[in-house]
């Protein structure tokens, strides 16, 4: 069928106006533009300086809680349920419940001579992940009852919870010589 024959049958399709296609094409373009505008809404801007300070404050609170309430209580508060613990000379631990059980079994709940100081904290541009690294010291007694101090470095990766708190998702450390 050629164009002349096809054009002759167009009036029988009951178009309401001679600009039917143009009107609907404009409506279609308007709909696509609206949907595109709605879909491209950017997330609210993240105040990275504030988030970084919140992250550093969380890390400091974690250290203070260890000193006041012991390691297990601090882990219960600051660890995510799926946290990964990487500690020297020990297998990698996955999950808060497993880590807490090991610390309780090793009688580590009474450890309150552990403290750390952050050197730096960094928050991702989206404000949902961050890490803190720094140095720690552990004051304890040897089995012979002699006071001793161990030193080390640590790095903790945190994620932002829906309630806006930070929870540790990876906690790792290593021993270092005395600074």
Foldseek 3Di string as FASTA:
>chain_A
DDPVVVVVCVVVVPQPDPCNVVVVVVVVVVVVVVVVVVVPDDDDFDPFVVLFVLVQVLLQVLQVCCQVFNNLVSLVPAADQQAWEAEPPDDIDTGSVRVSVVCVVVVRRPFNQKGWHWPGKGADRVSFKIKTKTKMKGWDADPVGHTDIWIKIKMWMWGQDPVRHTHTRYIYMDTDPDD
